[in-house]
Every structure is written in structure tokens, then in C-alpha cells.
Amino acid sequence: GNRIGDISHAIQSHAEAQGFSVVRDFTGHGIGQTMHEDLQVPHYGR
């Protein structure tokens, strides 16, 4: 029921509240029988 953006926002909020920054250029990803499936999971966002 949650969205990918909920994951992204929760991570960014915690990191920045502690004075750190979140890398934008790499994301989590879908995985199964191949290493990178279509789903992307950014670690920052709305």
C-alpha cells in the first residue's frame, strides 16, 4: 500500500536530520534472476 517514494522520503529525512547527505546517482533496484530489474528505489524524494 505504501509507495516507493515513501521509502525514499523516510531515508532522506533521517539522514539529513543527522547532518548527512544522500547520494542521488545510485538507487536500489528490482532483483530476481537478473541483477537489475526494472523497479528503481531512490533513497531521496517526496
All heavy atoms as atom14 arrays in JSON, in Angstrom:
{
  "sequence": "GNRIGDISHAIQSHAEAQGFSVVRDFTGHGIGQTMHEDLQVPHYGR",
  "atom14_mask": [
    [1, 1, 1, 1, 0, 0, 0, 0, 0, 0, 0, 0, 0, 0],
    [1, 1, 1, 1, 1, 1, 1, 1, 0, 0, 0, 0, 0, 0],
    [1, 1, 1, 1, 1, 1, 1, 1, 1, 1, 1, 0, 0, 0],
    [1, 1, 1, 1, 1, 1, 1, 1, 0, 0, 0, 0, 0, 0],
    [1, 1, 1, 1, 0, 0, 0, 0, 0, 0, 0, 0, 0, 0],
    [1, 1, 1, 1, 1, 1, 1, 1, 0, 0, 0, 0, 0, 0],
    [1, 1, 1, 1, 1, 1, 1, 1, 0, 0, 0, 0, 0, 0],
    [1, 1, 1, 1, 1, 1, 0, 0, 0, 0, 0, 0, 0, 0],
    [1, 1, 1, 1, 1, 1, 1, 1, 1, 1, 0, 0, 0, 0],
    [1, 1, 1, 1, 1, 0, 0, 0, 0, 0, 0, 0, 0, 0],
    [1, 1, 1, 1, 1, 1, 1, 1, 0, 0, 0, 0, 0, 0],
    [1, 1, 1, 1, 1, 1, 1, 1, 1, 0, 0, 0, 0, 0],
    [1, 1, 1, 1, 1, 1, 0, 0, 0, 0, 0, 0, 0, 0],
    [1, 1, 1, 1, 1, 1, 1, 1, 1, 1, 0, 0, 0, 0],
    [1, 1, 1, 1, 1, 0, 0, 0, 0, 0, 0, 0, 0, 0],
    [1, 1, 1, 1, 1, 1, 1, 1, 1, 0, 0, 0, 0, 0],
    [1, 1, 1, 1, 1, 0, 0, 0, 0, 0, 0, 0, 0, 0],
    [1, 1, 1, 1, 1, 1, 1, 1, 1, 0, 0, 0, 0, 0],
    [1, 1, 1, 1, 0, 0, 0, 0, 0, 0, 0, 0, 0, 0],
    [1, 1, 1, 1, 1, 1, 1, 1, 1, 1, 1, 0, 0, 0],
    [1, 1, 1, 1, 1, 1, 0, 0, 0, 0, 0, 0, 0, 0],
    [1, 1, 1, 1, 1, 1, 1, 0, 0, 0, 0, 0, 0, 0],
    [1, 1, 1, 1, 1, 1, 1, 0, 0, 0, 0, 0, 0, 0],
    [1, 1, 1, 1, 1, 1, 1, 1, 1, 1, 1, 0, 0, 0],
    [1, 1, 1, 1, 1, 1, 1, 1, 0, 0, 0, 0, 0, 0],
    [1, 1, 1, 1, 1, 1, 1, 1, 1, 1, 1, 0, 0, 0],
    [1, 1, 1, 1, 1, 1, 1, 0, 0, 0, 0, 0, 0, 0],
    [1, 1, 1, 1, 0, 0, 0, 0, 0, 0, 0, 0, 0, 0],
    [1, 1, 1, 1, 1, 1, 1, 1, 1, 1, 0, 0, 0, 0],
    [1, 1, 1, 1, 0, 0, 0, 0, 0, 0, 0, 0, 0, 0],
    [1, 1, 1, 1, 1, 1, 1, 1, 0, 0, 0, 0, 0, 0],
    [1, 1, 1, 1, 0, 0, 0, 0, 0, 0, 0, 0, 0, 0],
    [1, 1, 1, 1, 1, 1, 1, 1, 1, 0, 0, 0, 0, 0],
    [1, 1, 1, 1, 1, 1, 1, 0, 0, 0, 0, 0, 0, 0],
    [1, 1, 1, 1, 1, 1, 1, 1, 0, 0, 0, 0, 0, 0],
    [1, 1, 1, 1, 1, 1, 1, 1, 1, 1, 0, 0, 0, 0],
    [1, 1, 1, 1, 1, 1, 1, 1, 1, 0, 0, 0, 0, 0],
    [1, 1, 1, 1, 1, 1, 1, 1, 0, 0, 0, 0, 0, 0],
    [1, 1, 1, 1, 1, 1, 1, 1, 0, 0, 0, 0, 0, 0],
    [1, 1, 1, 1, 1, 1, 1, 1, 1, 0, 0, 0, 0, 0],
    [1, 1, 1, 1, 1, 1, 1, 0, 0, 0, 0, 0, 0, 0],
    [1, 1, 1, 1, 1, 1, 1, 0, 0, 0, 0, 0, 0, 0],
    [1, 1, 1, 1, 1, 1, 1, 1, 1, 1, 0, 0, 0, 0],
    [1, 1, 1, 1, 1, 1, 1, 1, 1, 1, 1, 1, 0, 0],
    [1, 1, 1, 1, 0, 0, 0, 0, 0, 0, 0, 0, 0, 0],
    [1, 1, 1, 1, 1, 1, 1, 1, 1, 1, 1, 0, 0, 0]
  ],
  "atom14_positions": [
    [[0.8, -1.23, 0.0], [0.0, 0.0, 0.0], [0.83, 1.26, 0.0], [0.4, 2.28, -0.54], [0.0, 0.0, 0.0], [0.0, 0.0, 0.0], [0.0, 0.0, 0.0], [0.0, 0.0, 0.0], [0.0, 0.0, 0.0], [0.0, 0.0, 0.0], [0.0, 0.0, 0.0], [0.0, 0.0, 0.0], [0.0, 0.0, 0.0], [0.0, 0.0, 0.0]],
    [[2.02, 1.22, 0.6], [2.93, 2.37, 0.51], [3.51, 2.45, -0.9], [3.42, 1.51, -1.69], [4.05, 2.24, 1.53], [3.63, 2.71, 2.91], [2.52, 3.2, 3.09], [4.5, 2.54, 3.9], [0.0, 0.0, 0.0], [0.0, 0.0, 0.0], [0.0, 0.0, 0.0], [0.0, 0.0, 0.0], [0.0, 0.0, 0.0], [0.0, 0.0, 0.0]],
    [[4.14, 3.57, -1.18], [4.79, 3.76, -2.48], [6.31, 3.81, -2.3], [6.82, 4.04, -1.2], [4.3, 5.05, -3.15], [2.83, 5.01, -3.55], [2.44, 6.31, -4.25], [1.05, 6.34, -4.64], [0.57, 5.89, -5.8], [1.41, 5.33, -6.68], [-0.71, 5.98, -6.08], [0.0, 0.0, 0.0], [0.0, 0.0, 0.0], [0.0, 0.0, 0.0]],
    [[7.01, 3.65, -3.42], [8.48, 3.73, -3.4], [8.92, 5.07, -2.81], [9.87, 5.14, -2.03], [9.05, 3.55, -4.82], [8.84, 2.11, -5.32], [10.54, 3.9, -4.85], [9.57, 1.05, -4.53], [0.0, 0.0, 0.0], [0.0, 0.0, 0.0], [0.0, 0.0, 0.0], [0.0, 0.0, 0.0], [0.0, 0.0, 0.0], [0.0, 0.0, 0.0]],
    [[8.21, 6.15, -3.16], [8.58, 7.46, -2.64], [8.5, 7.56, -1.13], [9.22, 8.37, -0.53], [0.0, 0.0, 0.0], [0.0, 0.0, 0.0], [0.0, 0.0, 0.0], [0.0, 0.0, 0.0], [0.0, 0.0, 0.0], [0.0, 0.0, 0.0], [0.0, 0.0, 0.0], [0.0, 0.0, 0.0], [0.0, 0.0, 0.0], [0.0, 0.0, 0.0]],
    [[7.66, 6.75, -0.51], [7.59, 6.75, 0.95], [8.89, 6.22, 1.55], [9.37, 6.72, 2.57], [6.4, 5.92, 1.43], [5.07, 6.48, 0.95], [4.94, 7.72, 0.88], [4.18, 5.69, 0.6], [0.0, 0.0, 0.0], [0.0, 0.0, 0.0], [0.0, 0.0, 0.0], [0.0, 0.0, 0.0], [0.0, 0.0, 0.0], [0.0, 0.0, 0.0]],
    [[9.45, 5.19, 0.92], [10.75, 4.65, 1.34], [11.83, 5.73, 1.17], [12.62, 6.01, 2.08], [11.12, 3.41, 0.52], [10.05, 2.31, 0.67], [12.5, 2.87, 0.92], [10.24, 1.14, -0.28], [0.0, 0.0, 0.0], [0.0, 0.0, 0.0], [0.0, 0.0, 0.0], [0.0, 0.0, 0.0], [0.0, 0.0, 0.0], [0.0, 0.0, 0.0]],
    [[11.85, 6.33, -0.02], [12.86, 7.34, -0.34], [12.82, 8.49, 0.65], [13.88, 8.92, 1.16], [12.6, 7.88, -1.76], [12.49, 6.84, -2.7], [0.0, 0.0, 0.0], [0.0, 0.0, 0.0], [0.0, 0.0, 0.0], [0.0, 0.0, 0.0], [0.0, 0.0, 0.0], [0.0, 0.0, 0.0], [0.0, 0.0, 0.0], [0.0, 0.0, 0.0]],
    [[11.63, 8.99, 0.92], [11.48, 10.15, 1.8], [11.89, 9.82, 3.24], [12.54, 10.64, 3.91], [10.02, 10.61, 1.77], [9.75, 11.8, 2.63], [10.21, 13.06, 2.33], [9.09, 11.92, 3.81], [9.83, 13.91, 3.27], [9.15, 13.25, 4.18], [0.0, 0.0, 0.0], [0.0, 0.0, 0.0], [0.0, 0.0, 0.0], [0.0, 0.0, 0.0]],
    [[11.53, 8.63, 3.71], [11.89, 8.24, 5.07], [13.4, 8.18, 5.26], [13.93, 8.63, 6.28], [11.25, 6.9, 5.41], [0.0, 0.0, 0.0], [0.0, 0.0, 0.0], [0.0, 0.0, 0.0], [0.0, 0.0, 0.0], [0.0, 0.0, 0.0], [0.0, 0.0, 0.0], [0.0, 0.0, 0.0], [0.0, 0.0, 0.0], [0.0, 0.0, 0.0]],
    [[14.09, 7.64, 4.27], [15.55, 7.54, 4.33], [16.19, 8.93, 4.3], [17.05, 9.25, 5.14], [16.08, 6.67, 3.17], [15.68, 5.2, 3.39], [17.6, 6.81, 3.02], [15.95, 4.31, 2.2], [0.0, 0.0, 0.0], [0.0, 0.0, 0.0], [0.0, 0.0, 0.0], [0.0, 0.0, 0.0], [0.0, 0.0, 0.0], [0.0, 0.0, 0.0]],
    [[15.78, 9.75, 3.36], [16.37, 11.08, 3.25], [16.13, 11.91, 4.5], [17.04, 12.6, 4.99], [15.78, 11.81, 2.04], [16.35, 13.21, 1.84], [15.73, 13.94, 0.66], [14.71, 13.53, 0.13], [16.35, 15.03, 0.25], [0.0, 0.0, 0.0], [0.0, 0.0, 0.0], [0.0, 0.0, 0.0], [0.0, 0.0, 0.0], [0.0, 0.0, 0.0]],
    [[14.92, 11.83, 5.03], [14.58, 12.63, 6.22], [15.48, 12.27, 7.39], [15.97, 13.16, 8.11], [13.12, 12.4, 6.59], [12.25, 12.85, 5.57], [0.0, 0.0, 0.0], [0.0, 0.0, 0.0], [0.0, 0.0, 0.0], [0.0, 0.0, 0.0], [0.0, 0.0, 0.0], [0.0, 0.0, 0.0], [0.0, 0.0, 0.0], [0.0, 0.0, 0.0]],
    [[15.73, 10.97, 7.58], [16.56, 10.56, 8.72], [18.02, 10.97, 8.51], [18.65, 11.5, 9.42], [16.47, 9.05, 8.92], [17.2, 8.58, 10.14], [16.85, 8.93, 11.42], [18.32, 7.79, 10.26], [17.69, 8.39, 12.28], [18.59, 7.7, 11.6], [0.0, 0.0, 0.0], [0.0, 0.0, 0.0], [0.0, 0.0, 0.0], [0.0, 0.0, 0.0]],
    [[18.55, 10.74, 7.31], [19.95, 11.07, 7.05], [20.21, 12.56, 7.22], [21.19, 12.97, 7.86], [20.34, 10.61, 5.65], [0.0, 0.0, 0.0], [0.0, 0.0, 0.0], [0.0, 0.0, 0.0], [0.0, 0.0, 0.0], [0.0, 0.0, 0.0], [0.0, 0.0, 0.0], [0.0, 0.0, 0.0], [0.0, 0.0, 0.0], [0.0, 0.0, 0.0]],
    [[19.35, 13.38, 6.65], [19.58, 14.82, 6.69], [19.35, 15.39, 8.09], [20.02, 16.35, 8.48], [18.71, 15.5, 5.65], [19.14, 15.15, 4.22], [18.33, 15.83, 3.15], [17.29, 16.47, 3.49], [18.72, 15.74, 1.97], [0.0, 0.0, 0.0], [0.0, 0.0, 0.0], [0.0, 0.0, 0.0], [0.0, 0.0, 0.0], [0.0, 0.0, 0.0]],
    [[18.45, 14.77, 8.85], [18.25, 15.22, 10.23], [19.49, 14.99, 11.08], [19.71, 15.67, 12.08], [17.05, 14.48, 10.84], [0.0, 0.0, 0.0], [0.0, 0.0, 0.0], [0.0, 0.0, 0.0], [0.0, 0.0, 0.0], [0.0, 0.0, 0.0], [0.0, 0.0, 0.0], [0.0, 0.0, 0.0], [0.0, 0.0, 0.0], [0.0, 0.0, 0.0]],
    [[20.32, 14.02, 10.67], [21.57, 13.72, 11.38], [22.76, 14.48, 10.8], [23.91, 14.25, 11.21], [21.84, 12.22, 11.34], [20.77, 11.38, 12.02], [20.67, 11.66, 13.5], [21.69, 11.8, 14.18], [19.45, 11.79, 14.01], [0.0, 0.0, 0.0], [0.0, 0.0, 0.0], [0.0, 0.0, 0.0], [0.0, 0.0, 0.0], [0.0, 0.0, 0.0]],
    [[22.52, 15.36, 9.82], [23.58, 16.19, 9.27], [24.32, 15.59, 8.11], [25.36, 16.14, 7.69], [0.0, 0.0, 0.0], [0.0, 0.0, 0.0], [0.0, 0.0, 0.0], [0.0, 0.0, 0.0], [0.0, 0.0, 0.0], [0.0, 0.0, 0.0], [0.0, 0.0, 0.0], [0.0, 0.0, 0.0], [0.0, 0.0, 0.0], [0.0, 0.0, 0.0]],
    [[23.82, 14.51, 7.54], [24.48, 13.84, 6.42], [23.71, 14.08, 5.11], [22.6, 14.61, 5.12], [24.6, 12.34, 6.69], [25.47, 12.0, 7.88], [25.02, 11.1, 8.84], [26.71, 12.58, 8.05], [25.8, 10.78, 9.93], [27.51, 12.27, 9.14], [27.05, 11.36, 10.08], [0.0, 0.0, 0.0], [0.0, 0.0, 0.0], [0.0, 0.0, 0.0]],
    [[24.31, 13.68, 4.0], [23.66, 13.83, 2.7], [23.45, 12.46, 2.06], [24.14, 11.5, 2.38], [24.5, 14.73, 1.78], [25.72, 14.09, 1.43], [0.0, 0.0, 0.0], [0.0, 0.0, 0.0], [0.0, 0.0, 0.0], [0.0, 0.0, 0.0], [0.0, 0.0, 0.0], [0.0, 0.0, 0.0], [0.0, 0.0, 0.0], [0.0, 0.0, 0.0]],
    [[22.49, 12.41, 1.13], [22.1, 11.16, 0.48], [22.54, 11.19, -0.98], [22.18, 12.11, -1.73], [20.58, 10.95, 0.55], [20.19, 9.64, -0.11], [20.1, 10.99, 1.99], [0.0, 0.0, 0.0], [0.0, 0.0, 0.0], [0.0, 0.0, 0.0], [0.0, 0.0, 0.0], [0.0, 0.0, 0.0], [0.0, 0.0, 0.0], [0.0, 0.0, 0.0]],
    [[23.28, 10.2, -1.41], [23.72, 10.09, -2.8], [22.51, 9.96, -3.71], [21.61, 9.15, -3.46], [24.69, 8.91, -2.97], [25.0, 8.67, -4.45], [25.97, 9.15, -2.19], [0.0, 0.0, 0.0], [0.0, 0.0, 0.0], [0.0, 0.0, 0.0], [0.0, 0.0, 0.0], [0.0, 0.0, 0.0], [0.0, 0.0, 0.0], [0.0, 0.0, 0.0]],
    [[22.48, 10.73, -4.78], [21.36, 10.74, -5.73], [21.57, 9.82, -6.93], [20.6, 9.4, -7.56], [21.15, 12.15, -6.27], [20.15, 13.01, -5.53], [20.59, 13.44, -4.17], [19.75, 14.55, -3.69], [19.69, 14.93, -2.42], [20.39, 14.29, -1.5], [18.92, 15.92, -2.05], [0.0, 0.0, 0.0], [0.0, 0.0, 0.0], [0.0, 0.0, 0.0]],
    [[22.81, 9.55, -7.28], [23.1, 8.95, -8.58], [22.92, 7.43, -8.63], [22.96, 6.86, -9.72], [24.54, 9.28, -8.99], [24.75, 10.77, -9.14], [24.82, 11.47, -8.11], [24.84, 11.23, -10.29], [0.0, 0.0, 0.0], [0.0, 0.0, 0.0], [0.0, 0.0, 0.0], [0.0, 0.0, 0.0], [0.0, 0.0, 0.0], [0.0, 0.0, 0.0]],
    [[22.76, 6.78, -7.5], [22.58, 5.33, -7.47], [21.34, 5.0, -6.65], [21.03, 5.67, -5.67], [23.81, 4.64, -6.88], [25.06, 4.89, -7.67], [25.98, 5.86, -7.26], [25.34, 4.17, -8.82], [27.13, 6.1, -7.98], [26.49, 4.4, -9.56], [27.39, 5.37, -9.14], [0.0, 0.0, 0.0], [0.0, 0.0, 0.0], [0.0, 0.0, 0.0]],
    [[20.65, 3.95, -7.06], [19.39, 3.59, -6.41], [19.36, 2.1, -6.09], [20.15, 1.32, -6.62], [18.19, 3.89, -7.33], [18.19, 2.96, -8.44], [18.24, 5.31, -7.86], [0.0, 0.0, 0.0], [0.0, 0.0, 0.0], [0.0, 0.0, 0.0], [0.0, 0.0, 0.0], [0.0, 0.0, 0.0], [0.0, 0.0, 0.0], [0.0, 0.0, 0.0]],
    [[18.41, 1.72, -5.22], [18.06, 0.32, -5.11], [17.35, -0.11, -6.37], [16.98, 0.71, -7.23], [0.0, 0.0, 0.0], [0.0, 0.0, 0.0], [0.0, 0.0, 0.0], [0.0, 0.0, 0.0], [0.0, 0.0, 0.0], [0.0, 0.0, 0.0], [0.0, 0.0, 0.0], [0.0, 0.0, 0.0], [0.0, 0.0, 0.0], [0.0, 0.0, 0.0]],
    [[17.1, -1.42, -6.5], [16.59, -1.93, -7.78], [15.89, -3.26, -7.59], [16.13, -3.99, -6.63], [17.76, -2.11, -8.75], [18.9, -2.91, -8.18], [18.94, -4.29, -8.21], [20.02, -2.52, -7.53], [20.05, -4.71, -7.6], [20.73, -3.65, -7.17], [0.0, 0.0, 0.0], [0.0, 0.0, 0.0], [0.0, 0.0, 0.0], [0.0, 0.0, 0.0]],
    [[15.03, -3.56, -8.53], [14.44, -4.89, -8.56], [15.52, -5.93, -8.81], [16.55, -5.64, -9.41], [0.0, 0.0, 0.0], [0.0, 0.0, 0.0], [0.0, 0.0, 0.0], [0.0, 0.0, 0.0], [0.0, 0.0, 0.0], [0.0, 0.0, 0.0], [0.0, 0.0, 0.0], [0.0, 0.0, 0.0], [0.0, 0.0, 0.0], [0.0, 0.0, 0.0]],
    [[15.27, -7.15, -8.35], [16.26, -8.23, -8.5], [15.53, -9.56, -8.5], [14.46, -9.69, -7.89], [17.32, -8.16, -7.37], [18.44, -9.18, -7.61], [16.69, -8.32, -5.99], [19.63, -9.03, -6.67], [0.0, 0.0, 0.0], [0.0, 0.0, 0.0], [0.0, 0.0, 0.0], [0.0, 0.0, 0.0], [0.0, 0.0, 0.0], [0.0, 0.0, 0.0]],
    [[16.07, -10.53, -9.2], [15.48, -11.87, -9.26], [16.45, -12.83, -9.93], [17.41, -13.28, -9.3], [0.0, 0.0, 0.0], [0.0, 0.0, 0.0], [0.0, 0.0, 0.0], [0.0, 0.0, 0.0], [0.0, 0.0, 0.0], [0.0, 0.0, 0.0], [0.0, 0.0, 0.0], [0.0, 0.0, 0.0], [0.0, 0.0, 0.0], [0.0, 0.0, 0.0]],
    [[16.24, -13.09, -11.21], [17.18, -13.89, -11.97], [18.16, -13.01, -12.74], [19.1, -13.53, -13.35], [16.44, -14.83, -12.91], [15.68, -15.92, -12.17], [15.11, -16.98, -13.09], [14.16, -16.72, -13.82], [15.68, -18.17, -13.05], [0.0, 0.0, 0.0], [0.0, 0.0, 0.0], [0.0, 0.0, 0.0], [0.0, 0.0, 0.0], [0.0, 0.0, 0.0]],
    [[17.95, -11.72, -12.71], [18.92, -10.75, -13.21], [19.2, -9.73, -12.11], [18.36, -9.51, -11.23], [18.43, -10.03, -14.48], [17.18, -9.39, -14.2], [18.24, -11.02, -15.62], [0.0, 0.0, 0.0], [0.0, 0.0, 0.0], [0.0, 0.0, 0.0], [0.0, 0.0, 0.0], [0.0, 0.0, 0.0], [0.0, 0.0, 0.0], [0.0, 0.0, 0.0]],
    [[20.37, -9.13, -12.18], [20.82, -8.27, -11.08], [20.03, -6.97, -10.97], [19.76, -6.49, -9.88], [22.32, -7.96, -11.25], [22.92, -7.36, -10.01], [24.73, -7.13, -9.99], [25.33, -7.79, -11.5], [0.0, 0.0, 0.0], [0.0, 0.0, 0.0], [0.0, 0.0, 0.0], [0.0, 0.0, 0.0], [0.0, 0.0, 0.0], [0.0, 0.0, 0.0]],
    [[19.66, -6.4, -12.12], [18.94, -5.14, -12.1], [17.64, -5.27, -12.9], [17.66, -5.2, -14.12], [19.8, -4.01, -12.69], [21.05, -3.75, -11.92], [22.3, -4.02, -12.41], [21.24, -3.25, -10.68], [23.22, -3.69, -11.5], [22.59, -3.22, -10.44], [0.0, 0.0, 0.0], [0.0, 0.0, 0.0], [0.0, 0.0, 0.0], [0.0, 0.0, 0.0]],
    [[16.55, -5.47, -12.18], [15.24, -5.46, -12.82], [14.68, -4.04, -12.81], [15.26, -3.14, -12.22], [14.31, -6.44, -12.11], [14.75, -7.9, -12.26], [13.78, -8.89, -11.63], [12.82, -8.45, -10.97], [14.0, -10.1, -11.81], [0.0, 0.0, 0.0], [0.0, 0.0, 0.0], [0.0, 0.0, 0.0], [0.0, 0.0, 0.0], [0.0, 0.0, 0.0]],
    [[13.54, -3.85, -13.47], [13.05, -2.51, -13.79], [12.82, -1.59, -12.6], [13.02, -0.39, -12.7], [11.75, -2.62, -14.58], [12.0, -2.95, -16.06], [13.15, -2.84, -16.49], [11.03, -3.3, -16.75], [0.0, 0.0, 0.0], [0.0, 0.0, 0.0], [0.0, 0.0, 0.0], [0.0, 0.0, 0.0], [0.0, 0.0, 0.0], [0.0, 0.0, 0.0]],
    [[12.35, -2.1, -11.48], [12.0, -1.24, -10.36], [13.22, -0.5, -9.82], [14.26, -1.11, -9.58], [11.38, -2.09, -9.24], [10.78, -1.33, -8.06], [9.58, -0.52, -8.51], [10.39, -2.3, -6.96], [0.0, 0.0, 0.0], [0.0, 0.0, 0.0], [0.0, 0.0, 0.0], [0.0, 0.0, 0.0], [0.0, 0.0, 0.0], [0.0, 0.0, 0.0]],
    [[13.09, 0.81, -9.63], [14.16, 1.61, -9.04], [13.7, 2.17, -7.7], [12.55, 2.59, -7.55], [14.56, 2.76, -9.97], [15.28, 2.3, -11.23], [15.92, 3.46, -11.98], [15.5, 4.6, -11.86], [16.95, 3.16, -12.73], [0.0, 0.0, 0.0], [0.0, 0.0, 0.0], [0.0, 0.0, 0.0], [0.0, 0.0, 0.0], [0.0, 0.0, 0.0]],
    [[14.62, 2.18, -6.74], [14.3, 2.63, -5.39], [15.3, 3.73, -4.99], [16.35, 3.45, -4.42], [14.37, 1.46, -4.38], [13.9, 1.92, -3.0], [13.56, 0.27, -4.86], [0.0, 0.0, 0.0], [0.0, 0.0, 0.0], [0.0, 0.0, 0.0], [0.0, 0.0, 0.0], [0.0, 0.0, 0.0], [0.0, 0.0, 0.0], [0.0, 0.0, 0.0]],
    [[14.97, 5.0, -5.3], [15.84, 6.09, -4.86], [15.83, 6.19, -3.34], [14.9, 5.75, -2.67], [15.19, 7.34, -5.5], [14.29, 6.82, -6.56], [13.82, 5.48, -6.08], [0.0, 0.0, 0.0], [0.0, 0.0, 0.0], [0.0, 0.0, 0.0], [0.0, 0.0, 0.0], [0.0, 0.0, 0.0], [0.0, 0.0, 0.0], [0.0, 0.0, 0.0]],
    [[16.87, 6.82, -2.8], [16.98, 6.97, -1.35], [16.72, 8.42, -0.93], [17.05, 8.81, 0.18], [18.34, 6.49, -0.89], [18.62, 5.09, -1.34], [19.53, 4.79, -2.33], [18.06, 3.91, -0.97], [19.53, 3.48, -2.54], [18.65, 2.93, -1.74], [0.0, 0.0, 0.0], [0.0, 0.0, 0.0], [0.0, 0.0, 0.0], [0.0, 0.0, 0.0]],
    [[16.13, 9.18, -1.81], [15.71, 10.55, -1.52], [14.46, 10.82, -2.36], [14.2, 10.15, -3.37], [16.79, 11.56, -1.9], [16.94, 11.72, -3.4], [16.36, 12.81, -4.05], [17.6, 10.77, -4.16], [16.46, 12.95, -5.43], [17.69, 10.89, -5.54], [17.14, 11.98, -6.17], [17.22, 12.11, -7.54], [0.0, 0.0, 0.0], [0.0, 0.0, 0.0]],
    [[13.65, 11.77, -1.93], [12.49, 12.13, -2.74], [11.27, 12.44, -1.9], [11.31, 12.49, -0.68], [0.0, 0.0, 0.0], [0.0, 0.0, 0.0], [0.0, 0.0, 0.0], [0.0, 0.0, 0.0], [0.0, 0.0, 0.0], [0.0, 0.0, 0.0], [0.0, 0.0, 0.0], [0.0, 0.0, 0.0], [0.0, 0.0, 0.0], [0.0, 0.0, 0.0]],
    [[10.16, 12.63, -2.58], [8.91, 13.03, -1.95], [8.04, 11.81, -1.66], [8.06, 10.83, -2.41], [8.17, 14.01, -2.86], [8.94, 15.29, -3.11], [8.28, 16.14, -4.18], [6.94, 16.57, -3.76], [6.1, 17.22, -4.57], [6.46, 17.49, -5.82], [4.91, 17.59, -4.12], [0.0, 0.0, 0.0], [0.0, 0.0, 0.0], [0.0, 0.0, 0.0]]
  ]
}
